Amino acid sequence: MSDHHYDTCVVGAGAAGLAAALTFAREGYSVAVIGEAAARRDGRTVALLDGSVHLLERLGIWDALEPHAAPLEIMRLIDDTDSLFRAPTVDFKCREIGLDAFGWNVENATLVQILAEAVRVHPEITSISNMAMGLGSQDTVTPGSQDQRITVSLDDGSRVAAALVIAADGRNSPMRRAAGIRERNWRYPQAALTTILEHERDHRDISTEFHTRHGPFTLVPLPGRRSSLVWVTEPEKAAHLREYTDAALARTIERQAHAILGKMTIDGPRGVVPMGGLSVARFHADRLALVGEAAHAFPPIGAQGLNLGLRDVAALRDAVVASDGGGADPGSAAALRRYDRGRRFDVRSRTLGVDMLNRTLLSGLLPADFLRGAGLRMLAHVTPLRRVMMREGVSPRLATPQLMRREAPAPAPAPM
């Protein structure tokens, strides 16, 4: 048998994994988190959409996070491709769909830090800093009983047993591969330069995304006269830009942004992230569920990445609570089948949409430019269509998990 026993075991201590630990502890399950909760500051931020904010409110961390975040009231798309079929500028305004903000932008490292502190002090969560090495076979806790566990082996030779293992261990997930879940990886001829900027003009809570021939160039508000930058371009150019002096890089960014925020200065570290995508054949195996980048990955377009991962977590909670019925088996086959069915359309449709938009920017073919331009023109002028797209971009209307809705249920009774 194993050294330690829990109801759920989360492998991975990034934002999705820590949120999963807090979500299942909220329902009364004992939780182990395997991994070191650390996120280096490299200029990356995350735009937490409305549903994700509701989830973080229910997990009790939003009050600590809100002072570090800026609201996103307008999402502006600008065609900067010099195409013959140049699309009009499109403004998505949160007030059109009854929201005060589409979401809030915050540094990724700050989010992880606040989540990690909440995990550290939670009485139902045990943090284990060791590295997970692999999955073991299923065991019964008591001979002849139906109380089954699966084991995770650690690098110190010990093991953790749990009824449910949540793999939140990233794009190269060892848990996914140990479970034998097939994956498909692809790369784009792009990399993203990330950093934090100060600027002389107020951003007015507007996130501005320029569509260029090499990918999006996006300025996202932060508190004060500050914004985060995600500049998707050729890998060689991104690497070259990273080596610029602060003054030279600020001037280059200002020109690329057409000086919409005035004079700029660099106000944080910078990083370069290769662009690619990942999809999986299924979202579960025996007593294991994939969440976050262990289940999907794609370019930073439309603020879908971590929001989709947090929706995985909330949807897994719904599937377990609906199937478990207050019992003691969060990893039941019924719960995991329910989770898999519920995630397929949401994840795959958004992966396809982001992939298609990115490839139309890269192709340079006139038919692709025409279709993209026509689509954006319709969004600019057809109000009902624009509102539908905004609502679906924030959260799937027909399948929003309970903890991401405006009205959330009370915590479930603790499992017996």
Protein backbone atom coordinates (compact mmCIF):
# COMPACT_ATOMS: atom_id res chain seq x y z
CA MET A 1 0.00 0.00 0.00
CA SER A 2 0.95 3.64 -0.19
CA ASP A 3 2.40 6.00 2.38
CA HIS A 4 -0.37 8.64 2.17
CA HIS A 5 -4.10 8.46 1.33
CA TYR A 6 -6.37 11.26 0.09
CA ASP A 7 -9.69 11.65 -1.69
CA THR A 8 -8.08 13.65 -4.49
CA CYS A 9 -4.50 14.23 -5.58
CA VAL A 10 -3.60 17.21 -7.79
CA VAL A 11 -0.35 16.86 -9.73
CA GLY A 12 0.92 20.30 -10.68
CA ALA A 13 1.00 23.52 -8.67
CA GLY A 14 0.35 26.12 -11.35
CA ALA A 15 -2.78 28.26 -11.41
CA ALA A 16 -5.09 25.48 -12.70
CA GLY A 17 -3.76 22.89 -10.25
CA LEU A 18 -3.98 25.17 -7.22
CA ALA A 19 -7.52 26.20 -8.20
CA ALA A 20 -8.44 22.51 -8.51
CA ALA A 21 -7.11 21.82 -5.00
CA LEU A 22 -9.14 24.68 -3.51
CA THR A 23 -12.25 23.69 -5.47
CA PHE A 24 -12.26 20.09 -4.23
CA ALA A 25 -11.32 21.07 -0.69
CA ARG A 26 -14.34 23.42 -0.77
CA GLU A 27 -16.52 20.34 -1.35
CA GLY A 28 -15.07 18.61 1.74
CA TYR A 29 -12.61 16.25 0.01
CA SER A 30 -9.13 15.75 1.43
CA VAL A 31 -6.61 16.95 -1.15
CA ALA A 32 -2.89 16.51 -1.80
CA VAL A 33 -1.07 18.90 -4.14
CA ILE A 34 2.17 17.57 -5.62
CA GLY A 35 4.63 20.13 -6.98
CA GLU A 36 6.34 23.39 -6.15
CA ALA A 37 4.04 26.42 -6.39
CA ALA A 38 6.27 28.93 -8.14
CA ALA A 39 5.81 31.21 -11.13
CA ARG A 40 8.67 33.39 -12.30
CA ARG A 41 7.90 36.93 -13.32
CA ASP A 42 8.43 37.07 -17.08
CA GLY A 43 5.91 39.71 -18.12
CA ARG A 44 3.08 37.24 -18.63
CA THR A 45 -0.40 38.14 -17.46
CA VAL A 46 -3.75 36.41 -17.60
CA ALA A 47 -7.08 38.02 -18.45
CA LEU A 48 -9.51 36.33 -16.06
CA LEU A 49 -12.90 36.40 -17.75
CA ASP A 50 -16.17 36.88 -15.88
CA GLY A 51 -16.76 33.19 -15.11
CA SER A 52 -13.23 32.73 -13.82
CA VAL A 53 -13.69 35.72 -11.50
CA HIS A 54 -16.87 34.13 -10.09
CA LEU A 55 -14.93 30.91 -9.45
CA LEU A 56 -12.15 32.76 -7.64
CA GLU A 57 -14.74 34.61 -5.56
CA ARG A 58 -16.18 31.28 -4.43
CA LEU A 59 -12.70 30.01 -3.62
CA GLY A 60 -12.19 33.02 -1.35
CA ILE A 61 -9.19 34.61 -3.07
CA TRP A 62 -10.70 37.35 -5.21
CA ASP A 63 -10.53 40.02 -2.50
CA ALA A 64 -6.76 39.51 -2.27
CA LEU A 65 -6.34 39.44 -6.07
CA GLU A 66 -8.57 42.35 -7.14
CA PRO A 67 -6.19 45.19 -6.09
CA HIS A 68 -3.58 43.75 -8.49
CA ALA A 69 -5.97 43.45 -11.45
CA ALA A 70 -7.42 45.87 -14.00
CA PRO A 71 -10.91 45.55 -15.55
CA LEU A 72 -11.33 44.89 -19.28
CA GLU A 73 -14.35 46.87 -20.41
CA ILE A 74 -13.64 47.02 -24.16
CA MET A 75 -11.85 44.45 -26.33
CA ARG A 76 -10.68 46.24 -29.49
CA LEU A 77 -9.51 44.39 -32.63
CA ILE A 78 -7.52 46.36 -35.22
CA ASP A 79 -6.52 44.93 -38.60
CA ASP A 80 -2.87 45.86 -39.11
CA THR A 81 -2.11 43.41 -41.93
CA ASP A 82 -2.21 45.90 -44.86
CA SER A 83 -4.49 43.44 -46.64
CA LEU A 84 -6.55 44.40 -49.68
CA PHE A 85 -9.56 43.22 -47.64
CA ARG A 86 -8.67 45.13 -44.51
CA ALA A 87 -11.31 44.66 -41.83
CA PRO A 88 -12.82 47.54 -39.85
CA THR A 89 -11.86 48.07 -36.22
CA VAL A 90 -14.22 46.08 -33.98
CA ASP A 91 -15.03 47.11 -30.39
CA PHE A 92 -16.55 44.50 -28.10
CA LYS A 93 -18.13 46.39 -25.17
CA CYS A 94 -19.00 44.55 -21.98
CA ARG A 95 -22.07 46.74 -21.36
CA GLU A 96 -23.71 45.28 -24.48
CA ILE A 97 -24.08 41.94 -22.67
CA GLY A 98 -24.84 43.33 -19.23
CA LEU A 99 -21.37 43.01 -17.67
CA ASP A 100 -19.33 45.58 -15.78
CA ALA A 101 -16.19 44.01 -17.28
CA PHE A 102 -15.38 41.07 -19.54
CA GLY A 103 -12.77 40.14 -16.98
CA TRP A 104 -9.71 41.36 -15.12
CA ASN A 105 -6.06 41.29 -16.13
CA VAL A 106 -3.41 40.31 -13.56
CA GLU A 107 0.19 39.12 -13.63
CA ASN A 108 0.36 35.34 -13.76
CA ALA A 109 2.98 35.20 -10.98
CA THR A 110 0.73 37.25 -8.67
CA LEU A 111 -2.21 34.93 -9.32
CA VAL A 112 -0.13 31.83 -8.53
CA GLN A 113 1.31 33.45 -5.40
CA ILE A 114 -2.15 34.26 -3.98
CA LEU A 115 -3.55 30.83 -4.89
CA ALA A 116 -0.53 29.15 -3.28
CA GLU A 117 -1.02 31.06 -0.03
CA ALA A 118 -4.69 30.01 0.10
CA VAL A 119 -3.66 26.39 -0.47
CA ARG A 120 -0.96 26.61 2.20
CA VAL A 121 -3.38 27.63 4.95
CA HIS A 122 -6.30 25.38 3.96
CA PRO A 123 -6.84 22.64 6.56
CA GLU A 124 -8.02 20.04 4.01
CA ILE A 125 -5.03 20.45 1.66
CA THR A 126 -1.58 18.91 2.05
CA SER A 127 1.21 20.34 -0.09
CA ILE A 128 3.95 17.95 -1.21
CA SER A 129 6.96 19.58 -2.86
CA ASN A 130 8.33 16.36 -4.36
CA MET A 131 8.17 15.57 -8.07
CA ALA A 132 5.59 13.07 -9.34
CA MET A 133 7.31 10.29 -11.27
CA GLY A 134 4.50 8.04 -12.48
CA LEU A 135 1.20 6.26 -11.88
CA GLY A 136 0.78 2.96 -10.11
CA SER A 137 -1.94 0.35 -10.31
CA GLN A 138 -5.31 0.61 -8.61
CA ASP A 139 -5.60 -0.82 -5.10
CA THR A 140 -8.47 -1.38 -2.71
CA VAL A 141 -8.01 0.32 0.63
CA THR A 142 -9.72 -2.55 2.47
CA PRO A 143 -9.69 -6.10 1.01
CA GLY A 144 -13.09 -6.94 -0.45
CA SER A 145 -14.31 -3.32 -0.46
CA GLN A 146 -15.12 -1.11 -3.43
CA ASP A 147 -13.06 1.79 -2.03
CA GLN A 148 -10.41 2.02 -4.73
CA ARG A 149 -7.38 4.26 -5.05
CA ILE A 150 -4.74 4.89 -7.71
CA THR A 151 -1.19 5.68 -6.69
CA VAL A 152 1.24 8.40 -7.72
CA SER A 153 4.92 7.60 -7.13
CA LEU A 154 7.22 10.40 -5.97
CA ASP A 155 10.92 11.02 -6.53
CA ASP A 156 11.77 10.17 -2.89
CA GLY A 157 10.38 6.64 -3.26
CA SER A 158 7.10 7.31 -1.41
CA ARG A 159 3.63 7.09 -2.93
CA VAL A 160 0.37 9.00 -2.68
CA ALA A 161 -2.94 7.17 -3.09
CA ALA A 162 -6.18 8.90 -4.08
CA ALA A 163 -9.59 8.05 -5.47
CA LEU A 164 -9.05 10.74 -8.13
CA VAL A 165 -5.83 12.10 -9.62
CA ILE A 166 -6.15 15.50 -11.32
CA ALA A 167 -3.35 15.99 -13.84
CA ALA A 168 -2.57 19.72 -13.99
CA ASP A 169 1.09 19.18 -14.80
CA GLY A 170 1.31 21.19 -18.00
CA ARG A 171 1.66 20.69 -21.69
CA ASN A 172 4.33 17.98 -21.34
CA SER A 173 2.25 16.20 -18.67
CA PRO A 174 4.01 13.06 -17.36
CA MET A 175 0.68 11.94 -15.84
CA ARG A 176 -1.07 12.10 -19.22
CA ARG A 177 1.63 10.01 -20.82
CA ALA A 178 1.73 7.54 -17.93
CA ALA A 179 -2.04 7.07 -18.36
CA GLY A 180 -1.59 6.34 -22.08
CA ILE A 181 -3.75 9.22 -23.34
CA ARG A 182 -2.89 10.07 -26.93
CA GLU A 183 -2.00 13.67 -27.75
CA ARG A 184 -1.47 15.75 -30.86
CA ASN A 185 1.11 18.55 -30.78
CA TRP A 186 1.74 21.23 -33.36
CA ARG A 187 3.95 24.30 -33.62
CA TYR A 188 3.46 27.65 -35.30
CA PRO A 189 6.31 29.67 -36.86
CA GLN A 190 5.80 32.18 -34.05
CA ALA A 191 6.93 33.14 -30.56
CA ALA A 192 5.44 35.63 -28.11
CA LEU A 193 7.46 38.41 -26.51
CA THR A 194 5.96 39.34 -23.12
CA THR A 195 6.68 42.26 -20.81
CA ILE A 196 5.05 45.00 -18.69
CA LEU A 197 4.87 48.63 -19.82
CA GLU A 198 4.22 52.06 -18.36
CA HIS A 199 2.71 54.66 -20.73
CA GLU A 200 1.81 58.34 -20.63
CA ARG A 201 -1.82 57.96 -21.72
CA ASP A 202 -4.63 56.21 -19.86
CA HIS A 203 -5.63 52.85 -21.37
CA ARG A 204 -9.26 53.51 -20.30
CA ASP A 205 -9.71 49.80 -19.53
CA ILE A 206 -9.43 48.97 -23.25
CA SER A 207 -7.56 45.84 -24.36
CA THR A 208 -6.22 46.48 -27.87
CA GLU A 209 -5.27 43.61 -30.19
CA PHE A 210 -3.56 44.49 -33.48
CA HIS A 211 -3.73 41.68 -36.04
CA THR A 212 -0.44 41.63 -37.93
CA ARG A 213 0.97 39.30 -40.58
CA HIS A 214 2.96 37.42 -37.92
CA GLY A 215 0.24 37.20 -35.26
CA PRO A 216 -1.49 39.41 -32.68
CA PHE A 217 0.22 42.35 -30.99
CA THR A 218 -1.82 42.91 -27.83
CA LEU A 219 -1.78 45.55 -25.09
CA VAL A 220 -3.85 44.56 -22.04
CA PRO A 221 -4.61 46.96 -19.14
CA LEU A 222 -3.03 46.66 -15.71
CA PRO A 223 -3.71 48.96 -12.71
CA GLY A 224 -2.63 52.56 -13.27
CA ARG A 225 -1.06 53.65 -16.53
CA ARG A 226 0.42 50.22 -17.09
CA SER A 227 -0.28 47.45 -19.60
CA SER A 228 1.01 43.99 -20.37
CA LEU A 229 2.33 43.18 -23.83
CA VAL A 230 1.94 39.97 -25.81
CA TRP A 231 3.70 40.44 -29.14
CA VAL A 232 3.40 37.35 -31.33
CA THR A 233 5.93 37.46 -34.15
CA GLU A 234 8.66 35.41 -35.85
CA PRO A 235 10.78 33.43 -33.34
CA GLU A 236 14.02 35.07 -34.49
CA LYS A 237 12.54 38.54 -34.16
CA ALA A 238 11.14 37.80 -30.69
CA ALA A 239 14.53 36.56 -29.51
CA HIS A 240 16.21 39.63 -31.03
CA LEU A 241 13.74 42.03 -29.37
CA ARG A 242 14.33 40.41 -25.99
CA GLU A 243 17.97 41.49 -26.16
CA TYR A 244 17.17 45.17 -26.82
CA THR A 245 17.90 47.75 -24.15
CA ASP A 246 14.82 48.91 -22.25
CA ALA A 247 14.83 52.24 -24.07
CA ALA A 248 15.17 50.70 -27.54
CA LEU A 249 12.49 48.08 -26.86
CA ALA A 250 10.07 50.71 -25.52
CA ARG A 251 10.52 52.84 -28.65
CA THR A 252 9.97 49.81 -30.90
CA ILE A 253 6.79 48.80 -29.06
CA GLU A 254 5.51 52.39 -29.19
CA ARG A 255 5.93 52.46 -32.99
CA GLN A 256 4.27 49.04 -33.40
CA ALA A 257 1.33 50.29 -31.28
CA HIS A 258 1.01 53.41 -33.46
CA ALA A 259 1.59 55.46 -30.29
CA ILE A 260 -1.98 54.92 -29.09
CA LEU A 261 -0.78 55.05 -25.44
CA GLY A 262 1.88 57.68 -25.97
CA LYS A 263 5.45 57.39 -24.73
CA MET A 264 6.28 54.02 -23.17
CA THR A 265 8.84 52.64 -20.72
CA ILE A 266 9.59 49.04 -19.76
CA ASP A 267 8.30 48.28 -16.26
CA GLY A 268 9.06 44.60 -15.73
CA PRO A 269 10.95 41.52 -16.88
CA ARG A 270 10.50 40.10 -20.34
CA GLY A 271 10.11 36.60 -21.72
CA VAL A 272 9.77 34.72 -25.00
CA VAL A 273 7.26 31.87 -25.32
CA PRO A 274 7.18 29.51 -28.37
CA MET A 275 3.71 29.25 -29.94
CA GLY A 276 2.02 25.91 -30.49
CA GLY A 277 -1.06 23.85 -29.83
CA LEU A 278 -2.04 20.59 -28.19
CA SER A 279 -5.16 18.44 -28.19
CA VAL A 280 -5.89 15.10 -26.56
CA ALA A 281 -7.93 12.08 -27.60
CA ARG A 282 -9.82 12.09 -24.30
CA PHE A 283 -9.87 14.04 -21.06
CA HIS A 284 -9.70 11.13 -18.63
CA ALA A 285 -8.34 7.68 -17.87
CA ASP A 286 -9.08 5.32 -14.98
CA ARG A 287 -9.28 7.55 -11.89
CA LEU A 288 -7.46 10.38 -13.66
CA ALA A 289 -8.73 13.64 -15.19
CA LEU A 290 -6.77 16.14 -17.29
CA VAL A 291 -7.17 19.88 -16.69
CA GLY A 292 -5.45 23.00 -18.01
CA GLU A 293 -2.54 22.67 -20.42
CA ALA A 294 -2.35 18.94 -19.75
CA ALA A 295 -5.60 18.82 -21.75
CA HIS A 296 -5.26 21.64 -24.30
CA ALA A 297 -2.93 24.44 -25.42
CA PHE A 298 -3.09 27.11 -28.11
CA PRO A 299 -1.81 30.64 -28.88
CA PRO A 300 -2.71 33.59 -26.60
CA ILE A 301 -5.63 34.84 -28.68
CA GLY A 302 -8.97 35.84 -27.17
CA ALA A 303 -7.94 35.24 -23.54
CA GLN A 304 -8.99 31.59 -23.73
CA GLY A 305 -6.01 29.68 -22.27
CA LEU A 306 -6.20 29.70 -18.46
CA ASN A 307 -9.93 30.52 -18.52
CA LEU A 308 -10.51 27.25 -20.33
CA GLY A 309 -8.35 25.48 -17.75
CA LEU A 310 -10.33 26.96 -14.86
CA ARG A 311 -13.51 25.90 -16.63
CA ASP A 312 -12.07 22.35 -16.74
CA VAL A 313 -11.68 22.50 -12.96
CA ALA A 314 -15.22 23.77 -12.34
CA ALA A 315 -16.70 21.27 -14.81
CA LEU A 316 -14.83 18.40 -13.14
CA ARG A 317 -16.23 19.50 -9.80
CA ASP A 318 -19.76 19.45 -11.25
CA ALA A 319 -19.26 15.97 -12.73
CA VAL A 320 -17.92 14.58 -9.47
CA VAL A 321 -20.58 16.16 -7.25
CA ALA A 322 -23.38 14.98 -9.58
CA SER A 323 -22.03 11.42 -9.66
CA ASP A 324 -20.65 11.11 -6.14
CA GLY A 325 -23.83 12.12 -4.34
CA GLY A 326 -22.01 12.87 -1.11
CA GLY A 327 -20.27 9.49 -1.14
CA ALA A 328 -16.58 8.71 -1.11
CA ASP A 329 -15.59 8.07 -4.73
CA PRO A 330 -14.76 11.25 -6.63
CA GLY A 331 -12.87 9.17 -9.21
CA SER A 332 -15.78 6.96 -10.22
CA ALA A 333 -16.10 5.92 -13.86
CA ALA A 334 -19.48 7.69 -14.07
CA ALA A 335 -17.99 11.01 -12.91
CA LEU A 336 -15.09 10.85 -15.34
CA ARG A 337 -17.29 9.88 -18.30
CA ARG A 338 -19.55 12.82 -17.47
CA TYR A 339 -16.53 15.14 -17.33
CA ASP A 340 -15.16 13.87 -20.65
CA ARG A 341 -18.49 14.33 -22.45
CA GLY A 342 -18.92 17.82 -21.03
CA ARG A 343 -15.50 19.11 -22.07
CA ARG A 344 -15.29 17.84 -25.64
CA PHE A 345 -17.26 20.53 -27.48
CA ASP A 346 -16.10 23.49 -25.39
CA VAL A 347 -12.39 22.68 -25.65
CA ARG A 348 -12.33 21.50 -29.25
CA SER A 349 -14.48 24.29 -30.69
CA ARG A 350 -12.31 26.96 -29.04
CA THR A 351 -9.09 25.24 -30.05
CA LEU A 352 -10.33 25.10 -33.65
CA GLY A 353 -11.48 28.74 -33.63
CA VAL A 354 -8.20 30.11 -32.28
CA ASP A 355 -6.18 27.90 -34.65
CA MET A 356 -8.16 29.03 -37.71
CA LEU A 357 -7.87 32.74 -36.84
CA ASN A 358 -4.13 32.44 -36.25
CA ARG A 359 -3.57 30.57 -39.52
CA THR A 360 -5.54 33.13 -41.55
CA LEU A 361 -3.18 35.83 -40.22
CA LEU A 362 -0.15 33.79 -41.23
CA SER A 363 -1.33 32.60 -44.64
CA GLY A 364 -1.33 35.91 -46.52
CA LEU A 365 -3.69 34.35 -49.11
CA LEU A 366 -6.36 36.67 -50.46
CA PRO A 367 -9.26 34.21 -49.91
CA ALA A 368 -8.26 33.83 -46.25
CA ASP A 369 -7.96 37.61 -45.87
CA PHE A 370 -11.37 38.05 -47.48
CA LEU A 371 -13.05 35.55 -45.13
CA ARG A 372 -11.41 37.01 -42.03
CA GLY A 373 -12.24 40.56 -43.10
CA ALA A 374 -15.84 39.65 -43.94
CA GLY A 375 -16.26 37.94 -40.57
CA LEU A 376 -14.94 40.93 -38.63
CA ARG A 377 -17.08 43.30 -40.72
CA MET A 378 -20.19 41.29 -39.78
CA LEU A 379 -19.22 41.44 -36.11
CA ALA A 380 -18.76 45.20 -36.37
CA HIS A 381 -22.17 45.85 -37.94
CA VAL A 382 -24.51 43.00 -36.90
CA THR A 383 -25.30 43.66 -33.24
CA PRO A 384 -27.07 40.34 -32.39
CA LEU A 385 -24.19 38.34 -33.86
CA ARG A 386 -21.63 40.42 -31.99
CA ARG A 387 -23.48 39.90 -28.70
CA VAL A 388 -23.67 36.14 -29.22
CA MET A 389 -19.94 36.02 -29.94
CA MET A 390 -19.18 38.08 -26.83
CA ARG A 391 -21.30 35.88 -24.59
CA GLU A 392 -19.74 32.70 -25.96
CA GLY A 393 -16.26 34.18 -25.74
CA VAL A 394 -16.73 34.88 -22.04
CA SER A 395 -18.35 31.53 -21.21
CA PRO A 396 -20.35 28.80 -23.01
CA ARG A 397 -23.96 29.78 -22.41
CA LEU A 398 -25.35 26.23 -22.35
CA ALA A 399 -22.63 24.60 -20.25
CA THR A 400 -21.33 27.12 -17.72
CA PRO A 401 -20.18 25.22 -14.60
CA GLN A 402 -22.09 26.06 -11.44
CA LEU A 403 -19.23 27.80 -9.63
CA MET A 404 -18.73 30.09 -12.64
CA ARG A 405 -22.32 31.31 -12.71
CA ARG A 406 -23.50 34.47 -11.02
CA GLU A 407 -25.52 32.39 -8.57
CA ALA A 408 -23.49 29.50 -7.16
CA PRO A 409 -24.59 26.59 -4.96
CA ALA A 410 -23.53 26.26 -1.35
CA PRO A 411 -20.62 23.89 -0.63
CA ALA A 412 -21.59 20.22 -0.70
CA PRO A 413 -21.64 18.21 2.54
CA ALA A 414 -18.31 16.60 3.38
CA PRO A 415 -17.96 13.06 1.97
CA MET A 416 -18.63 10.32 4.50
